[in-house]
Amino acid sequence: MAELVIAGAGPQALTLCCQLLQKRPQWRRQLRVLDPTGTWLSCWHSQMRRYEIPWLRSPSSHHPHPTPHALRRYAQERQRSLDLEGPYGLPHTSLFADFCRSVVADFQLGSHVQAASVQQIRLDQAGPASLEVTLSDGAVVAAHRLVIATGAGVPVLPSWARTIAAPHPAEAMQHSQSIDLAACQGLRGQHILIVGGGLTSGHLALGAIKRGARVTLLCRRDLRSKHFDADPGWLGPNYLKTFRAEPCWHRRRQQVLEARDGGSITPQLVAKLHQARQQGSLQLHEHCEVEEACWCAGQWQILCRDGSRQLADRIWLATGLHQGVSHHPLLRQLLEQRPIELIDDQPALTSDLRWPGTNVHLMGGLSALRLGPAARNLFGGREASQRICRAAMKA
């Protein structure tokens, strides 16, 4: 029996493995990490590359290594301190990737990811002491504890996008999750309408402009400029102390929504977008939403709710992802076997992030009712790892 099975091999899963092995090196042989790619941080690397993201939005102290200053020390030792951007030391993407590779090597985790995914969870009806997971290769693994750290959700599609009747080429309308800027062909001279006001929309806009396209950015409210996607007070005890003392799950959910407050863009990215606007390659329409879109004669005809009209060759939807129990196949299985309270499709977990009545822990955005609005970030990964480690070692 495996002591611990981890579904996912992203930054949060790596954070958990490093914390566990720092405290219990002997667990190496009882630890199984599962990811379809068979490698660490593959999806993360892919996203950074596809959107051409130059640096992270998290401070240099937030990373998978258990020591907070490990990334800054790594940069200094390799004379790469200039790859830490601004007063918060935001790491350049290449620096963070190299650092994570060194962390994997230091903790001897390079060959620890099995190229498989969890397809089915079967709980022990007698209690939470053990469970079985069926893998994509058909293997059945008995485990004492399972951690689900699989990250992304299901693309959010606006209602008007779901009701388009006329057929259109696949590349004419894409959600950001399927866009790879480097693979986009024939953008020069095209007009691209990007829907969304978050960080992804900004990176896609700059990538399209770089390839000779004209871009119109549609935001349903003001284009908001923030250093982080939640106030820095949520990255420590300032706000979390009060949040953790709140007994009402619904009020906690409301605090999470208000803290994240939809999408925002970093000041550096806003400055680049304003420059593109001055040069005429970008149009920005704030407080504007699409009412309907029609594919006609090889072009999009778009009617907005304010009565304005747009013509575009492509529509890119940077409208985010659904993150909830109903959108996660494994969590739907858990809900069927062990029904629990859901608040706006979010699970009410135990203090050690377990699905109540089981030995299944959740990491990422679905732990936000316990960890707060930064649950999906690197900071949240560290907080989650500490809780899960304590539970595993206590057991």
Protein backbone atom coordinates (compact mmCIF):
# COMPACT_ATOMS: atom_id res chain seq x y z
CA MET A 1 0.00 0.00 0.00
CA ALA A 2 1.23 3.50 -0.85
CA GLU A 3 1.32 5.83 2.13
CA LEU A 4 0.45 8.81 -0.04
CA VAL A 5 -0.70 9.18 -3.67
CA ILE A 6 -0.63 12.66 -5.23
CA ALA A 7 -2.72 13.34 -8.32
CA GLY A 8 -0.97 16.14 -10.21
CA ALA A 9 2.65 17.27 -10.64
CA GLY A 10 2.36 21.06 -10.64
CA PRO A 11 4.00 23.62 -8.31
CA GLN A 12 1.67 22.82 -5.40
CA ALA A 13 2.28 19.07 -5.64
CA LEU A 14 6.03 19.69 -5.77
CA THR A 15 5.75 21.93 -2.70
CA LEU A 16 4.00 19.15 -0.80
CA CYS A 17 6.56 16.51 -1.78
CA CYS A 18 9.47 18.70 -0.71
CA GLN A 19 7.92 19.44 2.68
CA LEU A 20 7.11 15.78 3.27
CA LEU A 21 10.59 14.56 2.33
CA GLN A 22 12.30 17.24 4.36
CA LYS A 23 10.49 15.96 7.46
CA ARG A 24 10.25 12.24 6.56
CA PRO A 25 12.95 11.25 4.00
CA GLN A 26 12.03 7.60 4.47
CA TRP A 27 8.65 8.27 2.84
CA ARG A 28 10.28 8.47 -0.59
CA ARG A 29 9.48 4.82 -1.29
CA GLN A 30 5.87 5.21 -0.10
CA LEU A 31 5.13 8.28 -2.21
CA ARG A 32 3.49 8.04 -5.65
CA VAL A 33 3.01 11.10 -7.88
CA LEU A 34 0.70 10.73 -10.88
CA ASP A 35 0.47 13.06 -13.87
CA PRO A 36 -0.44 12.29 -17.51
CA THR A 37 2.72 14.04 -18.73
CA GLY A 38 5.08 12.01 -16.56
CA THR A 39 7.09 15.14 -15.68
CA TRP A 40 7.09 17.88 -13.07
CA LEU A 41 5.42 21.22 -13.88
CA SER A 42 4.68 20.28 -17.49
CA CYS A 43 1.34 22.11 -17.61
CA TRP A 44 2.84 25.11 -15.84
CA HIS A 45 5.73 25.32 -18.31
CA SER A 46 3.25 24.97 -21.18
CA GLN A 47 1.08 27.83 -19.94
CA MET A 48 4.03 30.18 -19.47
CA ARG A 49 5.24 29.35 -22.98
CA ARG A 50 1.84 29.48 -24.71
CA TYR A 51 1.02 32.94 -23.32
CA GLU A 52 4.65 34.18 -23.44
CA ILE A 53 4.55 35.25 -19.79
CA PRO A 54 7.86 36.95 -18.92
CA TRP A 55 7.64 36.79 -15.11
CA LEU A 56 5.47 35.49 -12.31
CA ARG A 57 3.00 37.45 -10.24
CA SER A 58 4.16 35.93 -6.94
CA PRO A 59 6.97 37.36 -4.75
CA SER A 60 10.33 35.58 -4.69
CA SER A 61 9.57 34.05 -1.27
CA HIS A 62 6.74 31.95 -2.76
CA HIS A 63 7.99 28.77 -4.44
CA PRO A 64 8.07 24.98 -3.88
CA HIS A 65 11.21 24.81 -1.69
CA PRO A 66 10.53 24.64 2.08
CA THR A 67 13.02 27.48 2.74
CA PRO A 68 11.43 30.87 1.91
CA HIS A 69 14.68 32.53 0.76
CA ALA A 70 15.85 29.61 -1.37
CA LEU A 71 14.87 31.19 -4.70
CA ARG A 72 16.57 34.51 -3.96
CA ARG A 73 19.70 32.68 -2.79
CA TYR A 74 19.63 30.56 -5.97
CA ALA A 75 19.49 33.74 -8.10
CA GLN A 76 22.34 35.38 -6.19
CA GLU A 77 24.60 32.33 -6.40
CA ARG A 78 24.14 32.22 -10.17
CA GLN A 79 24.45 35.99 -10.63
CA ARG A 80 20.85 36.21 -11.82
CA SER A 81 19.50 38.71 -9.29
CA LEU A 82 18.39 40.90 -12.21
CA ASP A 83 15.88 38.14 -12.99
CA LEU A 84 13.98 39.19 -9.88
CA GLU A 85 11.69 42.02 -10.96
CA GLY A 86 10.78 45.11 -8.93
CA PRO A 87 10.43 45.62 -5.17
CA TYR A 88 8.70 42.25 -4.65
CA GLY A 89 11.35 40.28 -6.51
CA LEU A 90 8.95 38.75 -9.01
CA PRO A 91 10.96 35.95 -10.66
CA HIS A 92 11.35 35.81 -14.41
CA THR A 93 9.78 32.68 -15.85
CA SER A 94 13.09 31.18 -16.94
CA LEU A 95 14.63 31.73 -13.50
CA PHE A 96 11.68 30.11 -11.74
CA ALA A 97 11.76 27.14 -14.13
CA ASP A 98 15.50 26.61 -13.60
CA PHE A 99 15.05 26.93 -9.84
CA CYS A 100 12.27 24.34 -9.79
CA ARG A 101 14.43 21.94 -11.78
CA SER A 102 17.15 22.37 -9.14
CA VAL A 103 14.58 21.69 -6.38
CA VAL A 104 13.49 18.48 -8.11
CA ALA A 105 17.13 17.43 -8.33
CA ASP A 106 17.95 18.37 -4.72
CA PHE A 107 15.04 16.28 -3.40
CA GLN A 108 15.79 13.43 -5.85
CA LEU A 109 12.32 13.62 -7.37
CA GLY A 110 13.31 13.58 -11.04
CA SER A 111 11.99 10.10 -11.79
CA HIS A 112 9.15 10.19 -9.29
CA VAL A 113 6.27 11.18 -11.58
CA GLN A 114 4.35 8.27 -13.12
CA ALA A 115 2.76 8.98 -16.51
CA ALA A 116 -0.82 8.21 -15.50
CA SER A 117 -3.89 9.91 -14.11
CA VAL A 118 -6.44 8.93 -11.49
CA GLN A 119 -9.65 7.85 -13.19
CA GLN A 120 -11.63 6.47 -10.28
CA ILE A 121 -11.64 6.69 -6.49
CA ARG A 122 -13.16 3.92 -4.40
CA LEU A 123 -13.51 4.72 -0.70
CA ASP A 124 -13.46 2.10 2.03
CA GLN A 125 -17.01 1.96 3.34
CA ALA A 126 -15.78 0.97 6.80
CA GLY A 127 -13.92 4.25 7.33
CA PRO A 128 -11.22 6.59 6.01
CA ALA A 129 -8.27 4.31 6.79
CA SER A 130 -7.70 3.23 3.17
CA LEU A 131 -8.92 3.77 -0.36
CA GLU A 132 -8.29 2.51 -3.89
CA VAL A 133 -7.59 4.53 -7.02
CA THR A 134 -7.88 3.19 -10.54
CA LEU A 135 -5.36 4.70 -12.96
CA SER A 136 -5.61 5.52 -16.64
CA ASP A 137 -3.44 2.51 -17.46
CA GLY A 138 -5.90 0.20 -15.67
CA ALA A 139 -3.75 -0.35 -12.57
CA VAL A 140 -5.44 -0.30 -9.16
CA VAL A 141 -3.46 1.27 -6.32
CA ALA A 142 -4.32 0.92 -2.64
CA ALA A 143 -3.41 4.03 -0.65
CA HIS A 144 -3.69 5.29 2.88
CA ARG A 145 -4.03 8.90 1.73
CA LEU A 146 -4.77 10.69 -1.56
CA VAL A 147 -4.04 14.34 -2.42
CA ILE A 148 -5.80 15.89 -5.42
CA ALA A 149 -3.66 18.72 -6.79
CA THR A 150 -4.74 18.77 -10.42
CA GLY A 151 -5.25 22.52 -10.81
CA ALA A 152 -7.24 23.86 -13.76
CA GLY A 153 -10.99 23.66 -14.26
CA VAL A 154 -13.43 23.85 -17.17
CA PRO A 155 -13.44 26.88 -19.53
CA VAL A 156 -16.08 29.52 -18.83
CA LEU A 157 -18.02 30.24 -22.03
CA PRO A 158 -20.30 33.31 -22.14
CA SER A 159 -23.93 32.56 -22.96
CA TRP A 160 -23.69 34.26 -26.37
CA ALA A 161 -20.74 32.02 -27.31
CA ARG A 162 -22.72 28.88 -26.47
CA THR A 163 -25.61 29.86 -28.75
CA ILE A 164 -23.79 30.65 -32.00
CA ALA A 165 -25.71 28.80 -34.72
CA ALA A 166 -23.62 29.13 -37.87
CA PRO A 167 -20.56 26.84 -38.21
CA HIS A 168 -17.18 28.54 -38.12
CA PRO A 169 -13.52 27.41 -38.33
CA ALA A 170 -12.12 26.17 -35.03
CA GLU A 171 -9.44 28.86 -34.99
CA ALA A 172 -12.02 31.63 -35.46
CA MET A 173 -13.14 31.33 -31.85
CA GLN A 174 -10.92 29.89 -29.13
CA HIS A 175 -10.86 29.88 -25.36
CA SER A 176 -7.53 30.95 -23.90
CA GLN A 177 -6.96 27.43 -22.58
CA SER A 178 -6.47 26.17 -26.14
CA ILE A 179 -4.40 29.10 -27.49
CA ASP A 180 -0.69 28.76 -28.17
CA LEU A 181 0.68 32.08 -29.41
CA ALA A 182 3.73 30.48 -31.02
CA ALA A 183 1.50 28.14 -33.04
CA CYS A 184 -0.94 30.82 -34.24
CA GLN A 185 -0.54 31.26 -37.99
CA GLY A 186 -1.58 34.15 -40.21
CA LEU A 187 -2.27 36.78 -37.55
CA ARG A 188 -0.62 39.64 -39.42
CA GLY A 189 -3.22 42.11 -40.60
CA GLN A 190 -6.07 40.35 -38.80
CA HIS A 191 -8.42 41.93 -36.27
CA ILE A 192 -8.71 39.92 -33.05
CA LEU A 193 -11.38 40.60 -30.46
CA ILE A 194 -10.27 39.49 -26.98
CA VAL A 195 -12.95 39.17 -24.31
CA GLY A 196 -11.75 39.49 -20.71
CA GLY A 197 -10.02 41.89 -18.36
CA GLY A 198 -7.53 39.66 -16.55
CA LEU A 199 -3.86 38.88 -16.84
CA THR A 200 -4.36 36.27 -19.56
CA SER A 201 -6.19 38.72 -21.82
CA GLY A 202 -3.31 41.18 -21.50
CA HIS A 203 -0.65 38.61 -22.42
CA LEU A 204 -2.71 37.38 -25.38
CA ALA A 205 -3.23 40.95 -26.60
CA LEU A 206 0.50 41.71 -26.55
CA GLY A 207 1.29 38.38 -28.22
CA ALA A 208 -1.17 39.05 -31.05
CA ILE A 209 0.10 42.61 -31.56
CA LYS A 210 3.67 41.30 -31.66
CA ARG A 211 2.57 39.12 -34.60
CA GLY A 212 1.10 42.01 -36.56
CA ALA A 213 -2.56 41.78 -35.54
CA ARG A 214 -4.88 44.59 -34.51
CA VAL A 215 -6.52 43.89 -31.19
CA THR A 216 -9.73 45.06 -29.55
CA LEU A 217 -9.92 44.27 -25.84
CA LEU A 218 -13.44 44.07 -24.38
CA CYS A 219 -13.76 44.33 -20.59
CA ARG A 220 -17.09 44.17 -18.77
CA ARG A 221 -15.79 46.76 -16.28
CA ASP A 222 -12.67 48.92 -15.81
CA LEU A 223 -9.30 47.43 -16.73
CA ARG A 224 -7.95 47.03 -13.20
CA SER A 225 -4.28 47.36 -12.31
CA LYS A 226 -2.97 45.37 -9.31
CA HIS A 227 0.43 43.99 -8.37
CA PHE A 228 -1.21 40.76 -7.14
CA ASP A 229 -4.55 39.07 -7.81
CA ALA A 230 -5.45 39.56 -4.13
CA ASP A 231 -4.34 42.17 -1.60
CA PRO A 232 -0.94 41.33 0.01
CA GLY A 233 -2.72 41.29 3.36
CA TRP A 234 -4.06 37.88 2.36
CA LEU A 235 -0.50 36.52 2.16
CA GLY A 236 -0.09 36.55 5.92
CA PRO A 237 -1.92 36.99 9.23
CA ASN A 238 -3.26 40.51 8.52
CA TYR A 239 -6.48 39.29 6.92
CA LEU A 240 -6.24 35.52 7.42
CA LYS A 241 -6.59 35.67 11.19
CA THR A 242 -10.07 37.18 10.88
CA PHE A 243 -10.93 34.91 7.96
CA ARG A 244 -10.03 31.76 9.88
CA ALA A 245 -12.10 32.91 12.85
CA GLU A 246 -15.21 33.29 10.68
CA PRO A 247 -17.53 30.33 11.43
CA CYS A 248 -19.92 30.89 8.50
CA TRP A 249 -18.92 29.17 5.25
CA HIS A 250 -21.10 31.52 3.19
CA ARG A 251 -19.40 34.61 4.61
CA ARG A 252 -16.02 33.03 3.96
CA ARG A 253 -17.01 32.39 0.34
CA GLN A 254 -18.09 36.00 -0.03
CA GLN A 255 -14.78 37.22 1.39
CA VAL A 256 -12.87 35.09 -1.13
CA LEU A 257 -14.91 36.47 -4.04
CA GLU A 258 -14.53 40.07 -2.87
CA ALA A 259 -10.78 39.68 -2.31
CA ARG A 260 -10.09 38.29 -5.78
CA ASP A 261 -12.67 40.61 -7.32
CA GLY A 262 -12.52 39.16 -10.81
CA GLY A 263 -9.57 39.68 -13.13
CA SER A 264 -6.82 42.29 -12.90
CA ILE A 265 -3.59 43.12 -14.71
CA THR A 266 -0.18 44.01 -13.32
CA PRO A 267 0.98 47.65 -13.61
CA GLN A 268 3.84 46.60 -15.93
CA LEU A 269 1.42 44.92 -18.32
CA VAL A 270 -1.00 47.85 -18.19
CA ALA A 271 1.83 50.19 -19.21
CA LYS A 272 2.59 48.01 -22.26
CA LEU A 273 -1.08 47.91 -23.23
CA HIS A 274 -1.37 51.70 -23.00
CA GLN A 275 1.72 52.02 -25.21
CA ALA A 276 0.12 49.71 -27.79
CA ARG A 277 -3.05 51.79 -27.59
CA GLN A 278 -1.13 54.99 -28.30
CA GLN A 279 0.53 53.32 -31.28
CA GLY A 280 -2.88 52.36 -32.68
CA SER A 281 -2.52 48.57 -32.51
CA LEU A 282 -4.91 48.20 -29.56
CA GLN A 283 -8.42 49.44 -28.89
CA LEU A 284 -9.78 49.17 -25.37
CA HIS A 285 -13.51 49.08 -24.65
CA GLU A 286 -14.32 49.11 -20.95
CA HIS A 287 -17.79 48.45 -19.50
CA CYS A 288 -18.61 46.61 -22.70
CA GLU A 289 -20.06 43.12 -23.17
CA VAL A 290 -20.97 41.09 -26.24
CA GLU A 291 -24.69 40.64 -26.84
CA GLU A 292 -24.41 38.30 -29.82
CA ALA A 293 -21.95 37.21 -32.48
CA CYS A 294 -22.54 35.82 -35.97
CA TRP A 295 -20.05 34.21 -38.35
CA CYS A 296 -20.83 35.58 -41.80
CA ALA A 297 -18.79 35.65 -45.03
CA GLY A 298 -15.59 34.63 -43.25
CA GLN A 299 -15.80 37.24 -40.49
CA TRP A 300 -17.39 37.81 -37.11
CA GLN A 301 -20.17 40.36 -36.86
CA ILE A 302 -20.47 41.31 -33.20
CA LEU A 303 -23.20 43.32 -31.46
CA CYS A 304 -22.38 44.69 -28.01
CA ARG A 305 -24.87 45.50 -25.26
CA ASP A 306 -24.17 49.22 -25.54
CA GLY A 307 -25.33 49.10 -29.18
CA SER A 308 -21.86 49.30 -30.72
CA ARG A 309 -20.75 46.84 -33.40
CA GLN A 310 -17.46 45.16 -34.18
CA LEU A 311 -16.06 43.18 -37.09
CA ALA A 312 -13.34 40.66 -36.27
CA ASP A 313 -11.43 37.82 -37.89
CA ARG A 314 -11.01 35.92 -34.61
CA ILE A 315 -12.47 35.95 -31.12
CA TRP A 316 -10.33 34.89 -28.17
CA LEU A 317 -12.12 34.23 -24.89
CA ALA A 318 -9.99 34.99 -21.83
CA THR A 319 -12.98 34.35 -19.59
CA GLY A 320 -11.44 32.08 -16.98
CA LEU A 321 -12.19 28.60 -15.72
CA HIS A 322 -14.95 27.06 -13.64
CA GLN A 323 -13.49 25.68 -10.42
CA GLY A 324 -16.05 23.71 -8.48
CA VAL A 325 -16.97 20.21 -7.41
CA SER A 326 -19.49 19.78 -10.23
CA HIS A 327 -16.77 20.47 -12.82
CA HIS A 328 -14.25 17.99 -11.38
CA PRO A 329 -14.82 14.29 -12.26
CA LEU A 330 -12.97 12.92 -9.23
CA LEU A 331 -14.78 15.21 -6.81
CA ARG A 332 -18.12 14.23 -8.30
CA GLN A 333 -17.21 10.64 -7.45
CA LEU A 334 -16.34 11.66 -3.90
CA LEU A 335 -19.59 13.58 -3.52
CA GLU A 336 -21.56 10.51 -4.57
CA GLN A 337 -19.76 8.27 -2.06
CA ARG A 338 -19.45 10.80 0.78
CA PRO A 339 -21.97 13.66 0.43
CA ILE A 340 -20.76 16.86 2.10
CA GLU A 341 -21.83 20.49 2.37
CA LEU A 342 -21.12 22.61 -0.71
CA ILE A 343 -21.13 26.40 -0.71
CA ASP A 344 -21.56 27.77 -4.23
CA ASP A 345 -20.09 24.47 -5.53
CA GLN A 346 -17.07 24.81 -3.20
CA PRO A 347 -16.35 22.01 -0.67
CA ALA A 348 -16.41 22.64 3.07
CA LEU A 349 -13.20 20.78 3.98
CA THR A 350 -11.75 19.86 7.36
CA SER A 351 -8.96 22.02 8.81
CA ASP A 352 -6.33 19.69 7.28
CA LEU A 353 -8.04 20.04 3.87
CA ARG A 354 -9.63 16.59 3.88
CA TRP A 355 -12.92 15.79 2.23
CA PRO A 356 -14.89 15.03 5.44
CA GLY A 357 -15.06 11.35 6.31
CA THR A 358 -12.17 10.42 4.00
CA ASN A 359 -8.39 10.55 3.72
CA VAL A 360 -8.60 12.58 0.50
CA HIS A 361 -7.03 16.05 0.70
CA LEU A 362 -7.51 18.91 -1.79
CA MET A 363 -4.97 21.52 -2.85
CA GLY A 364 -5.46 24.61 -5.01
CA GLY A 365 -8.47 26.84 -5.51
CA LEU A 366 -10.93 24.29 -4.13
CA SER A 367 -9.40 24.70 -0.67
CA ALA A 368 -10.21 28.41 -0.58
CA LEU A 369 -12.92 28.14 2.09
CA ARG A 370 -10.15 27.03 4.45
CA LEU A 371 -7.08 28.85 3.12
CA GLY A 372 -8.55 32.08 1.74
CA PRO A 373 -8.32 33.79 -1.67
CA ALA A 374 -4.64 32.89 -2.24
CA ALA A 375 -5.35 29.14 -2.06
CA ARG A 376 -4.68 28.62 -5.77
CA ASN A 377 -1.37 30.52 -5.68
CA LEU A 378 2.12 29.43 -4.65
CA PHE A 379 1.45 30.90 -1.20
CA GLY A 380 -1.62 28.69 -0.91
CA GLY A 381 0.43 25.67 -1.96
CA ARG A 382 2.77 26.20 0.97
CA GLU A 383 -0.09 26.67 3.42
CA ALA A 384 -1.84 23.55 2.13
CA SER A 385 1.37 21.50 2.28
CA GLN A 386 1.95 22.40 5.91
CA ARG A 387 -1.56 21.29 6.88
CA ILE A 388 -1.40 18.04 4.93
CA CYS A 389 2.09 17.25 6.26
CA ARG A 390 0.93 17.69 9.84
CA ALA A 391 -2.03 15.38 9.22
CA ALA A 392 0.13 12.71 7.53
CA MET A 393 2.82 12.72 10.23
CA LYS A 394 0.26 12.70 13.04
CA ALA A 395 -1.37 9.65 11.51
